Amino acid sequence: MAAISPVQGFGAAALRSVLQRVKQAAERSGRSSDAVRVVAVSKTKPVSLLRQVYDAGHRCFGENYVQELVEKAPQLPEDIEWHFIGHLQSNKVKTLLS
């Protein structure tokens, strides 16, 4: 029997926790949680963890390093909605848009 990685399922569990907290906060403020967009920030996280979150149903991810986005995006499904977070150096704009 193969050993189970200690982080297996961590991404999905973390997502559920965040979504539950967002729902509670939205209810306290009189808003619908559907009106809140949760962007899962993938900064320095491995593709395997992003895949867990994706497999749990999340499609909105954010990255703040151009090089990581360029490396990760092709390894993940095309229906992910990517957001670039933070400052963008002018010399990296072309890379991000290509």
C-alpha atoms as a PDB file:
ATOM      1  CA  MET A   1       0.000   0.000   0.000  1.00  0.00           C
ATOM      2  CA  ALA A   2       1.362   3.429  -0.937  1.00  0.00           C
ATOM      3  CA  ALA A   3       2.013   5.928   1.820  1.00  0.00           C
ATOM      4  CA  ILE A   4      -0.264   8.953   1.947  1.00  0.00           C
ATOM      5  CA  SER A   5       1.506  12.277   1.789  1.00  0.00           C
ATOM      6  CA  PRO A   6       1.005  14.416   4.917  1.00  0.00           C
ATOM      7  CA  VAL A   7      -0.277  17.271   2.757  1.00  0.00           C
ATOM      8  CA  GLN A   8      -2.629  15.137   0.665  1.00  0.00           C
ATOM      9  CA  GLY A   9      -5.997  16.815   0.893  1.00  0.00           C
ATOM     10  CA  PHE A  10      -4.610  19.848   2.706  1.00  0.00           C
ATOM     11  CA  GLY A  11      -5.500  22.171  -0.167  1.00  0.00           C
ATOM     12  CA  ALA A  12      -9.134  21.079  -0.257  1.00  0.00           C
ATOM     13  CA  ALA A  13      -9.452  21.309   3.532  1.00  0.00           C
ATOM     14  CA  ALA A  14      -7.918  24.786   3.564  1.00  0.00           C
ATOM     15  CA  LEU A  15     -10.285  25.894   0.805  1.00  0.00           C
ATOM     16  CA  ARG A  16     -13.315  24.604   2.714  1.00  0.00           C
ATOM     17  CA  SER A  17     -12.162  26.455   5.814  1.00  0.00           C
ATOM     18  CA  VAL A  18     -11.680  29.736   3.955  1.00  0.00           C
ATOM     19  CA  LEU A  19     -15.014  29.461   2.161  1.00  0.00           C
ATOM     20  CA  GLN A  20     -16.782  28.775   5.455  1.00  0.00           C
ATOM     21  CA  ARG A  21     -15.188  31.839   7.061  1.00  0.00           C
ATOM     22  CA  VAL A  22     -16.115  33.966   4.034  1.00  0.00           C
ATOM     23  CA  LYS A  23     -19.696  32.730   4.256  1.00  0.00           C
ATOM     24  CA  GLN A  24     -19.897  33.581   7.957  1.00  0.00           C
ATOM     25  CA  ALA A  25     -18.385  37.034   7.434  1.00  0.00           C
ATOM     26  CA  ALA A  26     -20.745  37.737   4.545  1.00  0.00           C
ATOM     27  CA  GLU A  27     -23.749  36.712   6.634  1.00  0.00           C
ATOM     28  CA  ARG A  28     -22.627  38.956   9.504  1.00  0.00           C
ATOM     29  CA  SER A  29     -22.424  41.891   7.112  1.00  0.00           C
ATOM     30  CA  GLY A  30     -25.763  41.170   5.469  1.00  0.00           C
ATOM     31  CA  ARG A  31     -24.222  40.113   2.171  1.00  0.00           C
ATOM     32  CA  SER A  32     -24.458  36.954   0.167  1.00  0.00           C
ATOM     33  CA  SER A  33     -21.271  34.908   0.073  1.00  0.00           C
ATOM     34  CA  ASP A  34     -21.948  34.553  -3.663  1.00  0.00           C
ATOM     35  CA  ALA A  35     -21.094  38.257  -3.973  1.00  0.00           C
ATOM     36  CA  VAL A  36     -17.565  37.604  -2.679  1.00  0.00           C
ATOM     37  CA  ARG A  37     -14.840  36.315  -4.973  1.00  0.00           C
ATOM     38  CA  VAL A  38     -12.185  34.235  -3.264  1.00  0.00           C
ATOM     39  CA  VAL A  39      -8.858  34.290  -5.062  1.00  0.00           C
ATOM     40  CA  ALA A  40      -6.625  31.418  -3.972  1.00  0.00           C
ATOM     41  CA  VAL A  41      -3.126  32.877  -3.945  1.00  0.00           C
ATOM     42  CA  SER A  42      -0.644  30.369  -5.283  1.00  0.00           C
ATOM     43  CA  LYS A  43       2.545  32.261  -4.410  1.00  0.00           C
ATOM     44  CA  THR A  44       5.360  29.744  -3.838  1.00  0.00           C
ATOM     45  CA  LYS A  45       2.905  26.830  -3.621  1.00  0.00           C
ATOM     46  CA  PRO A  46       3.535  23.664  -5.641  1.00  0.00           C
ATOM     47  CA  VAL A  47       1.332  22.766  -8.589  1.00  0.00           C
ATOM     48  CA  SER A  48       0.215  19.633  -6.722  1.00  0.00           C
ATOM     49  CA  LEU A  49      -1.379  21.782  -4.007  1.00  0.00           C
ATOM     50  CA  LEU A  50      -3.058  24.012  -6.582  1.00  0.00           C
ATOM     51  CA  ARG A  51      -4.414  20.887  -8.244  1.00  0.00           C
ATOM     52  CA  GLN A  52      -6.004  19.807  -4.949  1.00  0.00           C
ATOM     53  CA  VAL A  53      -7.756  23.164  -4.665  1.00  0.00           C
ATOM     54  CA  TYR A  54      -8.803  22.967  -8.316  1.00  0.00           C
ATOM     55  CA  ASP A  55     -10.115  19.426  -7.846  1.00  0.00           C
ATOM     56  CA  ALA A  56     -12.150  20.709  -4.888  1.00  0.00           C
ATOM     57  CA  GLY A  57     -13.952  22.985  -7.356  1.00  0.00           C
ATOM     58  CA  HIS A  58     -12.082  26.286  -7.111  1.00  0.00           C
ATOM     59  CA  ARG A  59     -11.243  28.081 -10.357  1.00  0.00           C
ATOM     60  CA  CYS A  60      -9.948  31.504  -9.312  1.00  0.00           C
ATOM     61  CA  PHE A  61      -6.225  31.722  -8.546  1.00  0.00           C
ATOM     62  CA  GLY A  62      -3.800  34.580  -8.031  1.00  0.00           C
ATOM     63  CA  GLU A  63      -0.061  34.753  -8.468  1.00  0.00           C
ATOM     64  CA  ASN A  64       2.341  37.584  -7.787  1.00  0.00           C
ATOM     65  CA  TYR A  65       5.448  36.256  -9.476  1.00  0.00           C
ATOM     66  CA  VAL A  66       5.392  36.357 -13.273  1.00  0.00           C
ATOM     67  CA  GLN A  67       7.836  33.472 -13.584  1.00  0.00           C
ATOM     68  CA  GLU A  68       5.751  31.228 -11.314  1.00  0.00           C
ATOM     69  CA  LEU A  69       2.591  32.029 -13.253  1.00  0.00           C
ATOM     70  CA  VAL A  70       4.336  31.249 -16.534  1.00  0.00           C
ATOM     71  CA  GLU A  71       5.549  27.925 -15.108  1.00  0.00           C
ATOM     72  CA  LYS A  72       2.343  26.869 -13.328  1.00  0.00           C
ATOM     73  CA  ALA A  73      -0.404  27.868 -15.762  1.00  0.00           C
ATOM     74  CA  PRO A  74       0.515  25.355 -18.515  1.00  0.00           C
ATOM     75  CA  GLN A  75       0.530  22.527 -15.948  1.00  0.00           C
ATOM     76  CA  LEU A  76      -3.036  23.230 -14.850  1.00  0.00           C
ATOM     77  CA  PRO A  77      -6.412  23.178 -16.617  1.00  0.00           C
ATOM     78  CA  GLU A  78      -7.211  26.038 -18.965  1.00  0.00           C
ATOM     79  CA  ASP A  79     -10.457  27.001 -17.230  1.00  0.00           C
ATOM     80  CA  ILE A  80      -8.596  28.589 -14.315  1.00  0.00           C
ATOM     81  CA  GLU A  81      -9.185  32.323 -13.979  1.00  0.00           C
ATOM     82  CA  TRP A  82      -5.736  33.746 -13.209  1.00  0.00           C
ATOM     83  CA  HIS A  83      -5.154  37.072 -11.473  1.00  0.00           C
ATOM     84  CA  PHE A  84      -1.818  38.821 -11.223  1.00  0.00           C
ATOM     85  CA  ILE A  85      -1.402  40.325  -7.764  1.00  0.00           C
ATOM     86  CA  GLY A  86       0.869  43.198  -6.841  1.00  0.00           C
ATOM     87  CA  HIS A  87       3.302  45.357  -8.722  1.00  0.00           C
ATOM     88  CA  LEU A  88       4.341  44.411 -12.204  1.00  0.00           C
ATOM     89  CA  GLN A  89       7.763  45.437 -13.406  1.00  0.00           C
ATOM     90  CA  SER A  90       7.631  46.931 -16.877  1.00  0.00           C
ATOM     91  CA  ASN A  91      10.230  44.454 -18.150  1.00  0.00           C
ATOM     92  CA  LYS A  92       7.877  41.555 -17.284  1.00  0.00           C
ATOM     93  CA  VAL A  93       4.690  42.832 -18.922  1.00  0.00           C
ATOM     94  CA  LYS A  94       5.460  41.191 -22.256  1.00  0.00           C
ATOM     95  CA  THR A  95       6.096  37.825 -20.572  1.00  0.00           C
ATOM     96  CA  LEU A  96       2.835  38.007 -18.656  1.00  0.00           C
ATOM     97  CA  LEU A  97       0.761  38.924 -21.698  1.00  0.00           C
ATOM     98  CA  SER A  98       2.232  36.294 -24.006  1.00  0.00           C
END
